[in-house]
Amino acid sequence: MYFQAKNIVWRRGIVAAMLGALPARPAAEIAPTPQLHLFTGALIPDPDTLLAAFDAEEATFTGYAAVTLPAWVGPVNILSQVIALISSGDFVVGTPVTISENVTGCYVDYGTGTDWLLAERFPSPFPMATPGDFLQVDLAAGLPLLLAVQ
């Protein structure tokens, strides 16, 4: 199975940190070791969702572990007026299967367990139930070049 992020939700704090970094050169990366996680259940992320809400619904299927993302690539043009950084992570069901479940979304945290950066609920669940079932999540963390405030 394959999922390409299309409707990510940015955490309010990360947007504030990015905007705050514009007038000065940051001393260090905001998230040097981001981790990609999967979640289950009915959670619908919004900019103020607490990390504990994701942690409570984190996937537990056989073989699951959060993935440390490889280096972000970019900026790249994903739409005519949107630039992004891209990265991806892969998840595979192990054997023998002792826990199976449907995953309903993903989120990226700082890799420190302190907060999250971005999240997305999948349009439909992905079953992770049979040995070898896999999910490749391709992230495109984009920002519009033009923001029209009405």
C-alpha atoms as a PDB file:
ATOM      1  CA  MET A   1       0.000   0.000   0.000  1.00  0.00           C
ATOM      2  CA  TYR A   2       1.088   3.533  -0.631  1.00  0.00           C
ATOM      3  CA  PHE A   3       0.005   6.879   0.762  1.00  0.00           C
ATOM      4  CA  GLN A   4       1.069  10.344  -0.380  1.00  0.00           C
ATOM      5  CA  ALA A   5       0.391  13.183   2.049  1.00  0.00           C
ATOM      6  CA  LYS A   6      -1.990  15.765   0.639  1.00  0.00           C
ATOM      7  CA  ASN A   7      -3.704  17.492   3.548  1.00  0.00           C
ATOM      8  CA  ILE A   8      -1.222  17.833   6.380  1.00  0.00           C
ATOM      9  CA  VAL A   9      -1.990  19.768   9.526  1.00  0.00           C
ATOM     10  CA  TRP A  10       0.861  21.843  10.944  1.00  0.00           C
ATOM     11  CA  ARG A  11       1.229  22.046  14.725  1.00  0.00           C
ATOM     12  CA  ARG A  12       0.640  25.657  15.833  1.00  0.00           C
ATOM     13  CA  GLY A  13       3.992  25.744  17.669  1.00  0.00           C
ATOM     14  CA  ILE A  14       6.039  24.699  14.631  1.00  0.00           C
ATOM     15  CA  VAL A  15       4.438  27.400  12.462  1.00  0.00           C
ATOM     16  CA  ALA A  16       5.261  29.980  15.140  1.00  0.00           C
ATOM     17  CA  ALA A  17       8.849  28.664  15.332  1.00  0.00           C
ATOM     18  CA  MET A  18       9.285  28.867  11.542  1.00  0.00           C
ATOM     19  CA  LEU A  19       7.926  32.394  11.412  1.00  0.00           C
ATOM     20  CA  GLY A  20      10.022  33.382  14.421  1.00  0.00           C
ATOM     21  CA  ALA A  21      13.155  32.110  12.667  1.00  0.00           C
ATOM     22  CA  LEU A  22      12.667  34.406   9.662  1.00  0.00           C
ATOM     23  CA  PRO A  23      14.328  37.506  11.152  1.00  0.00           C
ATOM     24  CA  ALA A  24      17.350  35.623  12.530  1.00  0.00           C
ATOM     25  CA  ARG A  25      19.460  32.642  11.613  1.00  0.00           C
ATOM     26  CA  PRO A  26      18.431  29.732  13.870  1.00  0.00           C
ATOM     27  CA  ALA A  27      21.166  28.357  16.110  1.00  0.00           C
ATOM     28  CA  ALA A  28      20.182  24.762  15.336  1.00  0.00           C
ATOM     29  CA  GLU A  29      17.707  22.656  13.412  1.00  0.00           C
ATOM     30  CA  ILE A  30      14.193  22.714  14.849  1.00  0.00           C
ATOM     31  CA  ALA A  31      13.824  18.933  14.500  1.00  0.00           C
ATOM     32  CA  PRO A  32      17.148  17.183  13.777  1.00  0.00           C
ATOM     33  CA  THR A  33      15.783  13.610  14.155  1.00  0.00           C
ATOM     34  CA  PRO A  34      12.088  13.650  13.213  1.00  0.00           C
ATOM     35  CA  GLN A  35      10.185  10.393  13.573  1.00  0.00           C
ATOM     36  CA  LEU A  36       7.199   9.227  11.534  1.00  0.00           C
ATOM     37  CA  HIS A  37       4.454   7.459  13.524  1.00  0.00           C
ATOM     38  CA  LEU A  38       1.164   5.811  12.561  1.00  0.00           C
ATOM     39  CA  PHE A  39      -2.050   6.129  14.521  1.00  0.00           C
ATOM     40  CA  THR A  40      -5.331   4.226  14.695  1.00  0.00           C
ATOM     41  CA  GLY A  41      -8.833   5.180  15.790  1.00  0.00           C
ATOM     42  CA  ALA A  42     -11.002   8.230  15.230  1.00  0.00           C
ATOM     43  CA  LEU A  43      -8.474  11.006  15.892  1.00  0.00           C
ATOM     44  CA  ILE A  44      -8.793  13.990  13.522  1.00  0.00           C
ATOM     45  CA  PRO A  45      -5.688  16.170  13.957  1.00  0.00           C
ATOM     46  CA  ASP A  46      -5.929  19.938  14.249  1.00  0.00           C
ATOM     47  CA  PRO A  47      -3.202  22.506  15.035  1.00  0.00           C
ATOM     48  CA  ASP A  48      -3.882  22.250  18.781  1.00  0.00           C
ATOM     49  CA  THR A  49      -4.073  18.452  19.148  1.00  0.00           C
ATOM     50  CA  LEU A  50      -1.894  17.345  22.045  1.00  0.00           C
ATOM     51  CA  LEU A  51       0.904  14.815  21.532  1.00  0.00           C
ATOM     52  CA  ALA A  52      -0.759  12.644  24.196  1.00  0.00           C
ATOM     53  CA  ALA A  53      -3.774  12.206  21.879  1.00  0.00           C
ATOM     54  CA  PHE A  54      -1.508  10.743  19.183  1.00  0.00           C
ATOM     55  CA  ASP A  55       0.385   8.621  21.712  1.00  0.00           C
ATOM     56  CA  ALA A  56      -2.908   7.153  22.970  1.00  0.00           C
ATOM     57  CA  GLU A  57      -3.789   5.987  19.445  1.00  0.00           C
ATOM     58  CA  GLU A  58      -0.319   5.035  18.181  1.00  0.00           C
ATOM     59  CA  ALA A  59      -0.246   1.850  16.112  1.00  0.00           C
ATOM     60  CA  THR A  60       0.750  -1.423  17.789  1.00  0.00           C
ATOM     61  CA  PHE A  61       0.536  -3.987  14.953  1.00  0.00           C
ATOM     62  CA  THR A  62       3.159  -6.732  14.856  1.00  0.00           C
ATOM     63  CA  GLY A  63       6.460  -5.313  13.626  1.00  0.00           C
ATOM     64  CA  TYR A  64       5.457  -1.657  14.126  1.00  0.00           C
ATOM     65  CA  ALA A  65       8.010   0.906  15.231  1.00  0.00           C
ATOM     66  CA  ALA A  66       8.192   4.634  14.530  1.00  0.00           C
ATOM     67  CA  VAL A  67      10.605   5.434  11.694  1.00  0.00           C
ATOM     68  CA  THR A  68      13.363   8.026  11.951  1.00  0.00           C
ATOM     69  CA  LEU A  69      12.966   9.953   8.723  1.00  0.00           C
ATOM     70  CA  PRO A  70      15.852  10.255   6.309  1.00  0.00           C
ATOM     71  CA  ALA A  71      17.020  13.774   5.524  1.00  0.00           C
ATOM     72  CA  TRP A  72      14.311  16.028   4.128  1.00  0.00           C
ATOM     73  CA  VAL A  73      14.827  16.784   0.425  1.00  0.00           C
ATOM     74  CA  GLY A  74      14.020  20.157  -1.037  1.00  0.00           C
ATOM     75  CA  PRO A  75      12.638  22.612  -1.407  1.00  0.00           C
ATOM     76  CA  VAL A  76      10.667  21.082  -4.278  1.00  0.00           C
ATOM     77  CA  ASN A  77       7.676  22.388  -6.226  1.00  0.00           C
ATOM     78  CA  ILE A  78       4.641  20.225  -5.458  1.00  0.00           C
ATOM     79  CA  LEU A  79       2.035  22.576  -6.949  1.00  0.00           C
ATOM     80  CA  SER A  80       2.359  25.770  -8.960  1.00  0.00           C
ATOM     81  CA  GLN A  81       2.282  27.941  -5.822  1.00  0.00           C
ATOM     82  CA  VAL A  82       3.409  25.458  -3.134  1.00  0.00           C
ATOM     83  CA  ILE A  83       6.957  24.485  -2.186  1.00  0.00           C
ATOM     84  CA  ALA A  84       7.780  21.646   0.170  1.00  0.00           C
ATOM     85  CA  LEU A  85      10.309  19.403   1.789  1.00  0.00           C
ATOM     86  CA  ILE A  86       9.796  15.702   1.084  1.00  0.00           C
ATOM     87  CA  SER A  87      10.686  12.499   2.924  1.00  0.00           C
ATOM     88  CA  SER A  88       9.221   9.024   3.344  1.00  0.00           C
ATOM     89  CA  GLY A  89       8.971   6.093   5.708  1.00  0.00           C
ATOM     90  CA  ASP A  90       8.067   2.424   5.342  1.00  0.00           C
ATOM     91  CA  PHE A  91       6.156   0.133   7.697  1.00  0.00           C
ATOM     92  CA  VAL A  92       5.853  -3.672   7.351  1.00  0.00           C
ATOM     93  CA  VAL A  93       3.762  -6.183   9.311  1.00  0.00           C
ATOM     94  CA  GLY A  94       5.998  -8.777  10.967  1.00  0.00           C
ATOM     95  CA  THR A  95       5.523 -12.493  11.444  1.00  0.00           C
ATOM     96  CA  PRO A  96       3.921 -14.209  13.212  1.00  0.00           C
ATOM     97  CA  VAL A  97       1.107 -11.695  13.478  1.00  0.00           C
ATOM     98  CA  THR A  98      -0.032 -11.262  17.059  1.00  0.00           C
ATOM     99  CA  ILE A  99      -1.609  -7.810  16.676  1.00  0.00           C
ATOM    100  CA  SER A 100      -3.375  -6.551  13.543  1.00  0.00           C
ATOM    101  CA  GLU A 101      -5.200  -3.251  13.084  1.00  0.00           C
ATOM    102  CA  ASN A 102      -6.239  -0.537  10.668  1.00  0.00           C
ATOM    103  CA  VAL A 103      -4.089   2.577  10.633  1.00  0.00           C
ATOM    104  CA  THR A 104      -5.961   5.829  10.098  1.00  0.00           C
ATOM    105  CA  GLY A 105      -3.236   8.474   9.913  1.00  0.00           C
ATOM    106  CA  CYS A 106       0.326   9.536  10.539  1.00  0.00           C
ATOM    107  CA  TYR A 107       2.230  12.180  12.439  1.00  0.00           C
ATOM    108  CA  VAL A 108       5.811  13.394  12.667  1.00  0.00           C
ATOM    109  CA  ASP A 109       7.317  14.329  15.996  1.00  0.00           C
ATOM    110  CA  TYR A 110      10.597  15.941  16.982  1.00  0.00           C
ATOM    111  CA  GLY A 111      12.116  12.549  17.804  1.00  0.00           C
ATOM    112  CA  THR A 112      12.340  13.578  21.449  1.00  0.00           C
ATOM    113  CA  GLY A 113       8.801  12.773  22.577  1.00  0.00           C
ATOM    114  CA  THR A 114       8.110  16.437  23.390  1.00  0.00           C
ATOM    115  CA  ASP A 115       5.751  17.578  20.609  1.00  0.00           C
ATOM    116  CA  TRP A 116       4.681  16.950  17.032  1.00  0.00           C
ATOM    117  CA  LEU A 117       5.360  18.856  13.797  1.00  0.00           C
ATOM    118  CA  LEU A 118       2.749  17.731  11.293  1.00  0.00           C
ATOM    119  CA  ALA A 119       0.020  15.137  10.942  1.00  0.00           C
ATOM    120  CA  GLU A 120      -2.542  13.832   8.506  1.00  0.00           C
ATOM    121  CA  ARG A 121      -5.571  11.576   8.724  1.00  0.00           C
ATOM    122  CA  PHE A 122      -5.753   9.144   5.812  1.00  0.00           C
ATOM    123  CA  PRO A 123      -8.829   9.332   3.524  1.00  0.00           C
ATOM    124  CA  SER A 124      -9.504   5.671   4.382  1.00  0.00           C
ATOM    125  CA  PRO A 125      -7.866   3.192   6.786  1.00  0.00           C
ATOM    126  CA  PHE A 126      -5.001   0.936   5.737  1.00  0.00           C
ATOM    127  CA  PRO A 127      -5.220  -2.642   7.082  1.00  0.00           C
ATOM    128  CA  MET A 128      -2.020  -3.961   8.637  1.00  0.00           C
ATOM    129  CA  ALA A 129      -3.073  -7.563   9.263  1.00  0.00           C
ATOM    130  CA  THR A 130      -1.072 -10.096   7.239  1.00  0.00           C
ATOM    131  CA  PRO A 131       2.688 -10.767   7.341  1.00  0.00           C
ATOM    132  CA  GLY A 132       4.267  -8.628   4.647  1.00  0.00           C
ATOM    133  CA  ASP A 133       1.488  -6.029   4.505  1.00  0.00           C
ATOM    134  CA  PHE A 134       3.262  -2.717   4.087  1.00  0.00           C
ATOM    135  CA  LEU A 135       2.599   0.978   4.007  1.00  0.00           C
ATOM    136  CA  GLN A 136       4.922   3.521   2.417  1.00  0.00           C
ATOM    137  CA  VAL A 137       4.126   7.055   3.557  1.00  0.00           C
ATOM    138  CA  ASP A 138       5.484   9.828   1.339  1.00  0.00           C
ATOM    139  CA  LEU A 139       5.425  13.162   3.117  1.00  0.00           C
ATOM    140  CA  ALA A 140       5.335  16.541   1.415  1.00  0.00           C
ATOM    141  CA  ALA A 141       5.551  19.238   4.074  1.00  0.00           C
ATOM    142  CA  GLY A 142       4.474  22.191   1.966  1.00  0.00           C
ATOM    143  CA  LEU A 143       3.760  25.845   2.398  1.00  0.00           C
ATOM    144  CA  PRO A 144       1.929  28.102  -0.075  1.00  0.00           C
ATOM    145  CA  LEU A 145       3.848  30.884  -1.797  1.00  0.00           C
ATOM    146  CA  LEU A 146       0.697  32.983  -1.778  1.00  0.00           C
ATOM    147  CA  LEU A 147      -1.623  33.354   1.184  1.00  0.00           C
ATOM    148  CA  ALA A 148      -4.904  35.104   0.539  1.00  0.00           C
ATOM    149  CA  VAL A 149      -6.575  36.311   3.714  1.00  0.00           C
ATOM    150  CA  GLN A 150     -10.250  37.095   3.258  1.00  0.00           C
END
